């Protein structure tokens, strides 16, 4: 069974947390890119072997608490959660768009 929820839509960035029985995914849309463009999208996946370590790092016991933790975050805290999530990922996909206006 999979659950997903989008966070941070009011700011310049948004994050979608996807929780399944075997992995956690964070789909990120960030305004401004490292390549000098106007936006970046990245998807981080934490595989089953790293989930327990990640949950311990962010101080929650299960996926329900993780979802609640994301819900309680403001935009600065979501950015920190993104950084922490990426430290535990087992697979990352990054798409850098250099100009969203084209």
PDB file of N, CA and C in Angstrom:
ATOM      1  N   UNK A   1       0.837  -1.176   0.000  1.00  0.00           N
ATOM      2  CA  UNK A   1       0.000   0.000   0.000  1.00  0.00           C
ATOM      3  C   UNK A   1       0.887   1.246   0.000  1.00  0.00           C
ATOM      4  N   UNK A   2       0.498   2.253  -0.750  1.00  0.00           N
ATOM      5  CA  UNK A   2       1.293   3.461  -0.877  1.00  0.00           C
ATOM      6  C   UNK A   2       0.454   4.677  -0.475  1.00  0.00           C
ATOM      7  N   UNK A   3       1.112   5.640   0.193  1.00  0.00           N
ATOM      8  CA  UNK A   3       0.476   6.906   0.558  1.00  0.00           C
ATOM      9  C   UNK A   3       1.356   8.027   0.046  1.00  0.00           C
ATOM     10  N   UNK A   4       0.739   9.132  -0.343  1.00  0.00           N
ATOM     11  CA  UNK A   4       1.536  10.286  -0.743  1.00  0.00           C
ATOM     12  C   UNK A   4       0.827  11.571  -0.340  1.00  0.00           C
ATOM     13  N   UNK A   5       1.625  12.602  -0.106  1.00  0.00           N
ATOM     14  CA  UNK A   5       1.077  13.911   0.240  1.00  0.00           C
ATOM     15  C   UNK A   5       2.074  14.972  -0.180  1.00  0.00           C
ATOM     16  N   UNK A   6       1.552  16.107  -0.665  1.00  0.00           N
ATOM     17  CA  UNK A   6       2.380  17.218  -1.118  1.00  0.00           C
ATOM     18  C   UNK A   6       2.475  18.261  -0.009  1.00  0.00           C
ATOM     19  N   UNK A   7       3.688  18.807   0.161  1.00  0.00           N
ATOM     20  CA  UNK A   7       3.955  19.795   1.198  1.00  0.00           C
ATOM     21  C   UNK A   7       4.634  21.015   0.600  1.00  0.00           C
ATOM     22  N   UNK A   8       4.453  22.167   1.252  1.00  0.00           N
ATOM     23  CA  UNK A   8       5.189  23.375   0.887  1.00  0.00           C
ATOM     24  C   UNK A   8       4.756  24.032  -0.393  1.00  0.00           C
ATOM     25  N   UNK A   9       3.530  23.833  -0.827  1.00  0.00           N
ATOM     26  CA  UNK A   9       3.088  24.388  -2.105  1.00  0.00           C
ATOM     27  C   UNK A   9       3.009  25.913  -2.115  1.00  0.00           C
ATOM     28  N   UNK A  10       2.862  26.540  -0.959  1.00  0.00           N
ATOM     29  CA  UNK A  10       2.701  27.995  -0.913  1.00  0.00           C
ATOM     30  C   UNK A  10       4.013  28.730  -1.187  1.00  0.00           C
ATOM     31  N   UNK A  11       5.151  28.085  -0.952  1.00  0.00           N
ATOM     32  CA  UNK A  11       6.449  28.727  -1.145  1.00  0.00           C
ATOM     33  C   UNK A  11       6.996  28.511  -2.536  1.00  0.00           C
ATOM     34  N   UNK A  12       8.292  28.717  -2.670  1.00  0.00           N
ATOM     35  CA  UNK A  12       8.962  28.551  -3.956  1.00  0.00           C
ATOM     36  C   UNK A  12       9.267  27.095  -4.279  1.00  0.00           C
ATOM     37  N   UNK A  13       9.088  26.224  -3.310  1.00  0.00           N
ATOM     38  CA  UNK A  13       9.414  24.816  -3.496  1.00  0.00           C
ATOM     39  C   UNK A  13       8.242  23.956  -3.044  1.00  0.00           C
ATOM     40  N   UNK A  14       8.173  22.750  -3.561  1.00  0.00           N
ATOM     41  CA  UNK A  14       7.186  21.801  -3.067  1.00  0.00           C
ATOM     42  C   UNK A  14       7.830  20.424  -2.984  1.00  0.00           C
ATOM     43  N   UNK A  15       7.326  19.635  -2.073  1.00  0.00           N
ATOM     44  CA  UNK A  15       7.848  18.300  -1.814  1.00  0.00           C
ATOM     45  C   UNK A  15       6.677  17.337  -1.739  1.00  0.00           C
ATOM     46  N   UNK A  16       6.798  16.196  -2.401  1.00  0.00           N
ATOM     47  CA  UNK A  16       5.790  15.153  -2.282  1.00  0.00           C
ATOM     48  C   UNK A  16       6.451  13.948  -1.632  1.00  0.00           C
ATOM     49  N   UNK A  17       5.925  13.557  -0.471  1.00  0.00           N
ATOM     50  CA  UNK A  17       6.420  12.396   0.249  1.00  0.00           C
ATOM     51  C   UNK A  17       5.565  11.202  -0.143  1.00  0.00           C
ATOM     52  N   UNK A  18       6.214  10.126  -0.595  1.00  0.00           N
ATOM     53  CA  UNK A  18       5.532   8.904  -1.015  1.00  0.00           C
ATOM     54  C   UNK A  18       6.045   7.769  -0.138  1.00  0.00           C
ATOM     55  N   UNK A  19       5.129   7.126   0.559  1.00  0.00           N
ATOM     56  CA  UNK A  19       5.491   6.057   1.492  1.00  0.00           C
ATOM     57  C   UNK A  19       4.865   4.758   1.017  1.00  0.00           C
ATOM     58  N   UNK A  20       5.700   3.729   0.878  1.00  0.00           N
ATOM     59  CA  UNK A  20       5.185   2.395   0.555  1.00  0.00           C
ATOM     60  C   UNK A  20       5.745   1.410   1.580  1.00  0.00           C
ATOM     61  N   UNK A  21       5.392   0.160   1.435  1.00  0.00           N
ATOM     62  CA  UNK A  21       5.866  -0.865   2.374  1.00  0.00           C
ATOM     63  C   UNK A  21       7.373  -1.086   2.285  1.00  0.00           C
ATOM     64  N   UNK A  22       7.974  -0.789   1.135  1.00  0.00           N
ATOM     65  CA  UNK A  22       9.384  -1.121   0.943  1.00  0.00           C
ATOM     66  C   UNK A  22      10.304   0.067   0.686  1.00  0.00           C
ATOM     67  N   UNK A  23       9.753   1.282   0.543  1.00  0.00           N
ATOM     68  CA  UNK A  23      10.610   2.436   0.303  1.00  0.00           C
ATOM     69  C   UNK A  23       9.907   3.747   0.643  1.00  0.00           C
ATOM     70  N   UNK A  24      10.735   4.768   0.803  1.00  0.00           N
ATOM     71  CA  UNK A  24      10.259   6.140   0.964  1.00  0.00           C
ATOM     72  C   UNK A  24      10.788   6.926  -0.222  1.00  0.00           C
ATOM     73  N   UNK A  25       9.957   7.807  -0.797  1.00  0.00           N
ATOM     74  CA  UNK A  25      10.405   8.652  -1.901  1.00  0.00           C
ATOM     75  C   UNK A  25      10.060  10.091  -1.564  1.00  0.00           C
ATOM     76  N   UNK A  26      10.922  10.998  -1.983  1.00  0.00           N
ATOM     77  CA  UNK A  26      10.677  12.417  -1.850  1.00  0.00           C
ATOM     78  C   UNK A  26      10.885  13.047  -3.218  1.00  0.00           C
ATOM     79  N   UNK A  27       9.797  13.544  -3.799  1.00  0.00           N
ATOM     80  CA  UNK A  27       9.831  14.217  -5.093  1.00  0.00           C
ATOM     81  C   UNK A  27       9.867  15.711  -4.798  1.00  0.00           C
ATOM     82  N   UNK A  28      10.920  16.395  -5.250  1.00  0.00           N
ATOM     83  CA  UNK A  28      11.149  17.792  -4.894  1.00  0.00           C
ATOM     84  C   UNK A  28      11.136  18.669  -6.137  1.00  0.00           C
ATOM     85  N   UNK A  29      10.456  19.790  -6.029  1.00  0.00           N
ATOM     86  CA  UNK A  29      10.498  20.809  -7.067  1.00  0.00           C
ATOM     87  C   UNK A  29      11.033  22.062  -6.390  1.00  0.00           C
ATOM     88  N   UNK A  30      12.194  22.509  -6.801  1.00  0.00           N
ATOM     89  CA  UNK A  30      12.876  23.620  -6.150  1.00  0.00           C
ATOM     90  C   UNK A  30      13.067  24.755  -7.132  1.00  0.00           C
ATOM     91  N   UNK A  31      12.631  25.941  -6.764  1.00  0.00           N
ATOM     92  CA  UNK A  31      12.853  27.107  -7.614  1.00  0.00           C
ATOM     93  C   UNK A  31      14.330  27.485  -7.543  1.00  0.00           C
ATOM     94  N   UNK A  32      14.907  27.812  -8.690  1.00  0.00           N
ATOM     95  CA  UNK A  32      16.324  28.138  -8.769  1.00  0.00           C
ATOM     96  C   UNK A  32      17.138  26.870  -8.884  1.00  0.00           C
ATOM     97  N   UNK A  33      18.054  26.837  -9.803  1.00  0.00           N
ATOM     98  CA  UNK A  33      18.832  25.618  -9.990  1.00  0.00           C
ATOM     99  C   UNK A  33      20.317  25.888  -9.841  1.00  0.00           C
ATOM    100  N   UNK A  34      21.052  24.843  -9.541  1.00  0.00           N
ATOM    101  CA  UNK A  34      22.494  24.959  -9.400  1.00  0.00           C
ATOM    102  C   UNK A  34      23.157  25.293 -10.733  1.00  0.00           C
ATOM    103  N   UNK A  35      22.440  25.067 -11.831  1.00  0.00           N
ATOM    104  CA  UNK A  35      22.983  25.366 -13.156  1.00  0.00           C
ATOM    105  C   UNK A  35      22.640  26.788 -13.594  1.00  0.00           C
ATOM    106  N   UNK A  36      22.027  27.572 -12.704  1.00  0.00           N
ATOM    107  CA  UNK A  36      21.709  28.951 -13.033  1.00  0.00           C
ATOM    108  C   UNK A  36      20.347  29.147 -13.663  1.00  0.00           C
ATOM    109  N   UNK A  37      19.573  28.086 -13.793  1.00  0.00           N
ATOM    110  CA  UNK A  37      18.236  28.203 -14.358  1.00  0.00           C
ATOM    111  C   UNK A  37      17.210  28.572 -13.299  1.00  0.00           C
ATOM    112  N   UNK A  38      15.969  28.375 -13.619  1.00  0.00           N
ATOM    113  CA  UNK A  38      14.918  28.803 -12.702  1.00  0.00           C
ATOM    114  C   UNK A  38      14.305  27.671 -11.898  1.00  0.00           C
ATOM    115  N   UNK A  39      14.701  26.425 -12.126  1.00  0.00           N
ATOM    116  CA  UNK A  39      14.108  25.352 -11.343  1.00  0.00           C
ATOM    117  C   UNK A  39      14.828  24.028 -11.456  1.00  0.00           C
ATOM    118  N   UNK A  40      14.669  23.220 -10.411  1.00  0.00           N
ATOM    119  CA  UNK A  40      15.269  21.887 -10.348  1.00  0.00           C
ATOM    120  C   UNK A  40      14.226  20.918  -9.813  1.00  0.00           C
ATOM    121  N   UNK A  41      14.212  19.714 -10.333  1.00  0.00           N
ATOM    122  CA  UNK A  41      13.391  18.655  -9.766  1.00  0.00           C
ATOM    123  C   UNK A  41      14.303  17.498  -9.423  1.00  0.00           C
ATOM    124  N   UNK A  42      14.125  16.936  -8.227  1.00  0.00           N
ATOM    125  CA  UNK A  42      14.894  15.755  -7.853  1.00  0.00           C
ATOM    126  C   UNK A  42      13.969  14.773  -7.153  1.00  0.00           C
ATOM    127  N   UNK A  43      14.270  13.510  -7.294  1.00  0.00           N
ATOM    128  CA  UNK A  43      13.512  12.455  -6.641  1.00  0.00           C
ATOM    129  C   UNK A  43      14.510  11.598  -5.878  1.00  0.00           C
ATOM    130  N   UNK A  44      14.317  11.497  -4.575  1.00  0.00           N
ATOM    131  CA  UNK A  44      15.177  10.689  -3.713  1.00  0.00           C
ATOM    132  C   UNK A  44      14.395   9.464  -3.246  1.00  0.00           C
ATOM    133  N   UNK A  45      15.064   8.324  -3.221  1.00  0.00           N
ATOM    134  CA  UNK A  45      14.446   7.085  -2.761  1.00  0.00           C
ATOM    135  C   UNK A  45      15.287   6.487  -1.646  1.00  0.00           C
ATOM    136  N   UNK A  46      14.625   6.178  -0.541  1.00  0.00           N
ATOM    137  CA  UNK A  46      15.282   5.460   0.552  1.00  0.00           C
ATOM    138  C   UNK A  46      14.746   4.035   0.517  1.00  0.00           C
ATOM    139  N   UNK A  47      15.644   3.095   0.229  1.00  0.00           N
ATOM    140  CA  UNK A  47      15.257   1.690   0.163  1.00  0.00           C
ATOM    141  C   UNK A  47      15.027   1.096   1.545  1.00  0.00           C
ATOM    142  N   UNK A  48      14.430  -0.064   1.551  1.00  0.00           N
ATOM    143  CA  UNK A  48      14.026  -0.740   2.787  1.00  0.00           C
ATOM    144  C   UNK A  48      15.159  -0.860   3.812  1.00  0.00           C
ATOM    145  N   UNK A  49      16.378  -1.091   3.350  1.00  0.00           N
ATOM    146  CA  UNK A  49      17.497  -1.281   4.269  1.00  0.00           C
ATOM    147  C   UNK A  49      17.880  -0.007   5.025  1.00  0.00           C
ATOM    148  N   UNK A  50      17.541   1.167   4.507  1.00  0.00           N
ATOM    149  CA  UNK A  50      17.902   2.434   5.148  1.00  0.00           C
ATOM    150  C   UNK A  50      16.747   3.126   5.860  1.00  0.00           C
ATOM    151  N   UNK A  51      15.531   2.623   5.737  1.00  0.00           N
ATOM    152  CA  UNK A  51      14.365   3.301   6.308  1.00  0.00           C
ATOM    153  C   UNK A  51      14.476   3.450   7.822  1.00  0.00           C
ATOM    154  N   UNK A  52      14.830   2.397   8.525  1.00  0.00           N
ATOM    155  CA  UNK A  52      14.909   2.452   9.990  1.00  0.00           C
ATOM    156  C   UNK A  52      15.925   3.501  10.437  1.00  0.00           C
ATOM    157  N   UNK A  53      17.066   3.564   9.774  1.00  0.00           N
ATOM    158  CA  UNK A  53      18.095   4.546  10.114  1.00  0.00           C
ATOM    159  C   UNK A  53      17.613   5.974   9.855  1.00  0.00           C
ATOM    160  N   UNK A  54      16.913   6.183   8.743  1.00  0.00           N
ATOM    161  CA  UNK A  54      16.392   7.513   8.433  1.00  0.00           C
ATOM    162  C   UNK A  54      15.355   7.937   9.468  1.00  0.00           C
ATOM    163  N   UNK A  55      14.417   7.052   9.804  1.00  0.00           N
ATOM    164  CA  UNK A  55      13.390   7.389  10.791  1.00  0.00           C
ATOM    165  C   UNK A  55      14.022   7.751  12.129  1.00  0.00           C
ATOM    166  N   UNK A  56      15.055   7.021  12.523  1.00  0.00           N
ATOM    167  CA  UNK A  56      15.760   7.331  13.776  1.00  0.00           C
ATOM    168  C   UNK A  56      16.427   8.699  13.689  1.00  0.00           C
ATOM    169  N   UNK A  57      17.012   9.015  12.552  1.00  0.00           N
ATOM    170  CA  UNK A  57      17.695  10.302  12.369  1.00  0.00           C
ATOM    171  C   UNK A  57      16.737  11.482  12.538  1.00  0.00           C
ATOM    172  N   UNK A  58      15.517  11.345  12.024  1.00  0.00           N
ATOM    173  CA  UNK A  58      14.558  12.451  12.117  1.00  0.00           C
ATOM    174  C   UNK A  58      13.677  12.355  13.364  1.00  0.00           C
ATOM    175  N   UNK A  59      13.883  11.322  14.173  1.00  0.00           N
ATOM    176  CA  UNK A  59      13.212  11.209  15.463  1.00  0.00           C
ATOM    177  C   UNK A  59      11.762  10.780  15.425  1.00  0.00           C
ATOM    178  N   UNK A  60      11.425   9.908  14.492  1.00  0.00           N
ATOM    179  CA  UNK A  60      10.064   9.359  14.421  1.00  0.00           C
ATOM    180  C   UNK A  60      10.147   7.837  14.432  1.00  0.00           C
ATOM    181  N   UNK A  61       9.040   7.188  14.820  1.00  0.00           N
ATOM    182  CA  UNK A  61       9.079   5.725  14.938  1.00  0.00           C
ATOM    183  C   UNK A  61       8.507   4.978  13.740  1.00  0.00           C
ATOM    184  N   UNK A  62       7.646   5.657  12.941  1.00  0.00           N
ATOM    185  CA  UNK A  62       7.037   4.960  11.808  1.00  0.00           C
ATOM    186  C   UNK A  62       6.610   5.956  10.735  1.00  0.00           C
ATOM    187  N   UNK A  63       6.037   5.427   9.669  1.00  0.00           N
ATOM    188  CA  UNK A  63       5.668   6.271   8.534  1.00  0.00           C
ATOM    189  C   UNK A  63       4.556   7.261   8.875  1.00  0.00           C
ATOM    190  N   UNK A  64       3.647   6.896   9.770  1.00  0.00           N
ATOM    191  CA  UNK A  64       2.588   7.820  10.184  1.00  0.00           C
ATOM    192  C   UNK A  64       3.188   9.048  10.876  1.00  0.00           C
ATOM    193  N   UNK A  65       4.133   8.825  11.767  1.00  0.00           N
ATOM    194  CA  UNK A  65       4.801   9.937  12.444  1.00  0.00           C
ATOM    195  C   UNK A  65       5.631  10.759  11.462  1.00  0.00           C
ATOM    196  N   UNK A  66       6.220  10.098  10.462  1.00  0.00           N
ATOM    197  CA  UNK A  66       6.988  10.814   9.454  1.00  0.00           C
ATOM    198  C   UNK A  66       6.084  11.758   8.668  1.00  0.00           C
ATOM    199  N   UNK A  67       4.913  11.288   8.261  1.00  0.00           N
ATOM    200  CA  UNK A  67       3.970  12.126   7.528  1.00  0.00           C
ATOM    201  C   UNK A  67       3.563  13.324   8.398  1.00  0.00           C
ATOM    202  N   UNK A  68       3.296  13.085   9.677  1.00  0.00           N
ATOM    203  CA  UNK A  68       2.930  14.173  10.596  1.00  0.00           C
ATOM    204  C   UNK A  68       4.080  15.160  10.769  1.00  0.00           C
ATOM    205  N   UNK A  69       5.295  14.649  10.792  1.00  0.00           N
ATOM    206  CA  UNK A  69       6.472  15.516  10.924  1.00  0.00           C
ATOM    207  C   UNK A  69       6.584  16.446   9.730  1.00  0.00           C
ATOM    208  N   UNK A  70       6.390  15.909   8.518  1.00  0.00           N
ATOM    209  CA  UNK A  70       6.418  16.741   7.322  1.00  0.00           C
ATOM    210  C   UNK A  70       5.301  17.781   7.356  1.00  0.00           C
ATOM    211  N   UNK A  71       4.117  17.396   7.809  1.00  0.00           N
ATOM    212  CA  UNK A  71       2.980  18.325   7.878  1.00  0.00           C
ATOM    213  C   UNK A  71       3.259  19.508   8.796  1.00  0.00           C
ATOM    214  N   UNK A  72       4.042  19.289   9.840  1.00  0.00           N
ATOM    215  CA  UNK A  72       4.331  20.336  10.822  1.00  0.00           C
ATOM    216  C   UNK A  72       5.456  21.281  10.387  1.00  0.00           C
ATOM    217  N   UNK A  73       6.124  20.990   9.289  1.00  0.00           N
ATOM    218  CA  UNK A  73       7.290  21.776   8.849  1.00  0.00           C
ATOM    219  C   UNK A  73       6.899  23.032   8.090  1.00  0.00           C
ATOM    220  N   UNK A  74       7.636  24.118   8.358  1.00  0.00           N
ATOM    221  CA  UNK A  74       7.530  25.306   7.520  1.00  0.00           C
ATOM    222  C   UNK A  74       8.528  25.130   6.366  1.00  0.00           C
ATOM    223  N   UNK A  75       8.655  26.135   5.494  1.00  0.00           N
ATOM    224  CA  UNK A  75       9.491  25.979   4.299  1.00  0.00           C
ATOM    225  C   UNK A  75      10.964  25.747   4.630  1.00  0.00           C
ATOM    226  N   UNK A  76      11.478  26.407   5.663  1.00  0.00           N
ATOM    227  CA  UNK A  76      12.880  26.209   6.053  1.00  0.00           C
ATOM    228  C   UNK A  76      13.097  24.789   6.596  1.00  0.00           C
ATOM    229  N   UNK A  77      12.159  24.309   7.385  1.00  0.00           N
ATOM    230  CA  UNK A  77      12.269  22.954   7.937  1.00  0.00           C
ATOM    231  C   UNK A  77      12.129  21.903   6.843  1.00  0.00           C
ATOM    232  N   UNK A  78      11.274  22.161   5.842  1.00  0.00           N
ATOM    233  CA  UNK A  78      11.151  21.226   4.719  1.00  0.00           C
ATOM    234  C   UNK A  78      12.466  21.122   3.962  1.00  0.00           C
ATOM    235  N   UNK A  79      13.155  22.237   3.793  1.00  0.00           N
ATOM    236  CA  UNK A  79      14.460  22.215   3.122  1.00  0.00           C
ATOM    237  C   UNK A  79      15.455  21.375   3.924  1.00  0.00           C
ATOM    238  N   UNK A  80      15.421  21.477   5.247  1.00  0.00           N
ATOM    239  CA  UNK A  80      16.301  20.657   6.097  1.00  0.00           C
ATOM    240  C   UNK A  80      15.927  19.185   6.005  1.00  0.00           C
ATOM    241  N   UNK A  81      14.613  18.891   5.976  1.00  0.00           N
ATOM    242  CA  UNK A  81      14.169  17.495   5.840  1.00  0.00           C
ATOM    243  C   UNK A  81      14.638  16.932   4.497  1.00  0.00           C
ATOM    244  N   UNK A  82      14.624  17.760   3.451  1.00  0.00           N
ATOM    245  CA  UNK A  82      15.101  17.342   2.132  1.00  0.00           C
ATOM    246  C   UNK A  82      16.576  16.963   2.196  1.00  0.00           C
ATOM    247  N   UNK A  83      17.376  17.796   2.855  1.00  0.00           N
ATOM    248  CA  UNK A  83      18.807  17.524   2.989  1.00  0.00           C
ATOM    249  C   UNK A  83      19.047  16.226   3.756  1.00  0.00           C
ATOM    250  N   UNK A  84      18.329  16.038   4.853  1.00  0.00           N
ATOM    251  CA  UNK A  84      18.472  14.813   5.644  1.00  0.00           C
ATOM    252  C   UNK A  84      18.036  13.597   4.838  1.00  0.00           C
ATOM    253  N   UNK A  85      16.915  13.713   4.129  1.00  0.00           N
ATOM    254  CA  UNK A  85      16.414  12.619   3.294  1.00  0.00           C
ATOM    255  C   UNK A  85      17.476  12.201   2.283  1.00  0.00           C
ATOM    256  N   UNK A  86      18.104  13.183   1.647  1.00  0.00           N
ATOM    257  CA  UNK A  86      19.082  12.869   0.602  1.00  0.00           C
ATOM    258  C   UNK A  86      20.331  12.169   1.138  1.00  0.00           C
ATOM    259  N   UNK A  87      20.629  12.335   2.435  1.00  0.00           N
ATOM    260  CA  UNK A  87      21.778  11.635   3.031  1.00  0.00           C
ATOM    261  C   UNK A  87      21.551  10.129   3.128  1.00  0.00           C
ATOM    262  N   UNK A  88      20.300   9.708   3.157  1.00  0.00           N
ATOM    263  CA  UNK A  88      19.983   8.294   3.320  1.00  0.00           C
ATOM    264  C   UNK A  88      19.504   7.633   2.030  1.00  0.00           C
ATOM    265  N   UNK A  89      19.423   8.388   0.934  1.00  0.00           N
ATOM    266  CA  UNK A  89      18.836   7.804  -0.268  1.00  0.00           C
ATOM    267  C   UNK A  89      19.718   6.729  -0.889  1.00  0.00           C
ATOM    268  N   UNK A  90      19.054   5.793  -1.520  1.00  0.00           N
ATOM    269  CA  UNK A  90      19.732   4.705  -2.208  1.00  0.00           C
ATOM    270  C   UNK A  90      19.653   4.893  -3.722  1.00  0.00           C
ATOM    271  N   UNK A  91      18.847   5.878  -4.161  1.00  0.00           N
ATOM    272  CA  UNK A  91      18.702   6.159  -5.580  1.00  0.00           C
ATOM    273  C   UNK A  91      18.233   7.604  -5.712  1.00  0.00           C
ATOM    274  N   UNK A  92      18.885   8.377  -6.570  1.00  0.00           N
ATOM    275  CA  UNK A  92      18.524   9.778  -6.774  1.00  0.00           C
ATOM    276  C   UNK A  92      18.391  10.056  -8.256  1.00  0.00           C
ATOM    277  N   UNK A  93      17.356  10.771  -8.618  1.00  0.00           N
ATOM    278  CA  UNK A  93      17.176  11.259  -9.980  1.00  0.00           C
ATOM    279  C   UNK A  93      17.092  12.771  -9.900  1.00  0.00           C
ATOM    280  N   UNK A  94      17.902  13.483 -10.675  1.00  0.00           N
ATOM    281  CA  UNK A  94      17.887  14.947 -10.673  1.00  0.00           C
ATOM    282  C   UNK A  94      17.670  15.432 -12.090  1.00  0.00           C
ATOM    283  N   UNK A  95      16.709  16.304 -12.221  1.00  0.00           N
ATOM    284  CA  UNK A  95      16.438  16.943 -13.502  1.00  0.00           C
ATOM    285  C   UNK A  95      16.573  18.440 -13.293  1.00  0.00           C
ATOM    286  N   UNK A  96      17.502  19.073 -13.986  1.00  0.00           N
ATOM    287  CA  UNK A  96      17.739  20.508 -13.849  1.00  0.00           C
ATOM    288  C   UNK A  96      17.208  21.189 -15.096  1.00  0.00           C
ATOM    289  N   UNK A  97      16.242  22.050 -14.912  1.00  0.00           N
ATOM    290  CA  UNK A  97      15.680  22.827 -16.015  1.00  0.00           C
ATOM    291  C   UNK A  97      16.358  24.184 -16.006  1.00  0.00           C
ATOM    292  N   UNK A  98      16.957  24.574 -17.108  1.00  0.00           N
ATOM    293  CA  UNK A  98      17.717  25.818 -17.109  1.00  0.00           C
ATOM    294  C   UNK A  98      16.848  27.051 -17.331  1.00  0.00           C
ATOM    295  N   UNK A  99      15.684  26.900 -17.935  1.00  0.00           N
ATOM    296  CA  UNK A  99      14.813  28.050 -18.110  1.00  0.00           C
ATOM    297  C   UNK A  99      13.365  27.592 -18.230  1.00  0.00           C
ATOM    298  N   UNK A 100      12.592  27.764 -17.156  1.00  0.00           N
ATOM    299  CA  UNK A 100      11.193  27.328 -17.148  1.00  0.00           C
ATOM    300  C   UNK A 100      10.354  28.128 -18.131  1.00  0.00           C
ATOM    301  N   UNK A 101      10.831  29.281 -18.570  1.00  0.00           N
ATOM    302  CA  UNK A 101      10.035  30.150 -19.433  1.00  0.00           C
ATOM    303  C   UNK A 101      10.113  29.768 -20.903  1.00  0.00           C
ATOM    304  N   UNK A 102      11.024  28.906 -21.275  1.00  0.00           N
ATOM    305  CA  UNK A 102      11.154  28.533 -22.686  1.00  0.00           C
ATOM    306  C   UNK A 102      10.213  27.402 -23.045  1.00  0.00           C
TER     307      UNK A 102
END
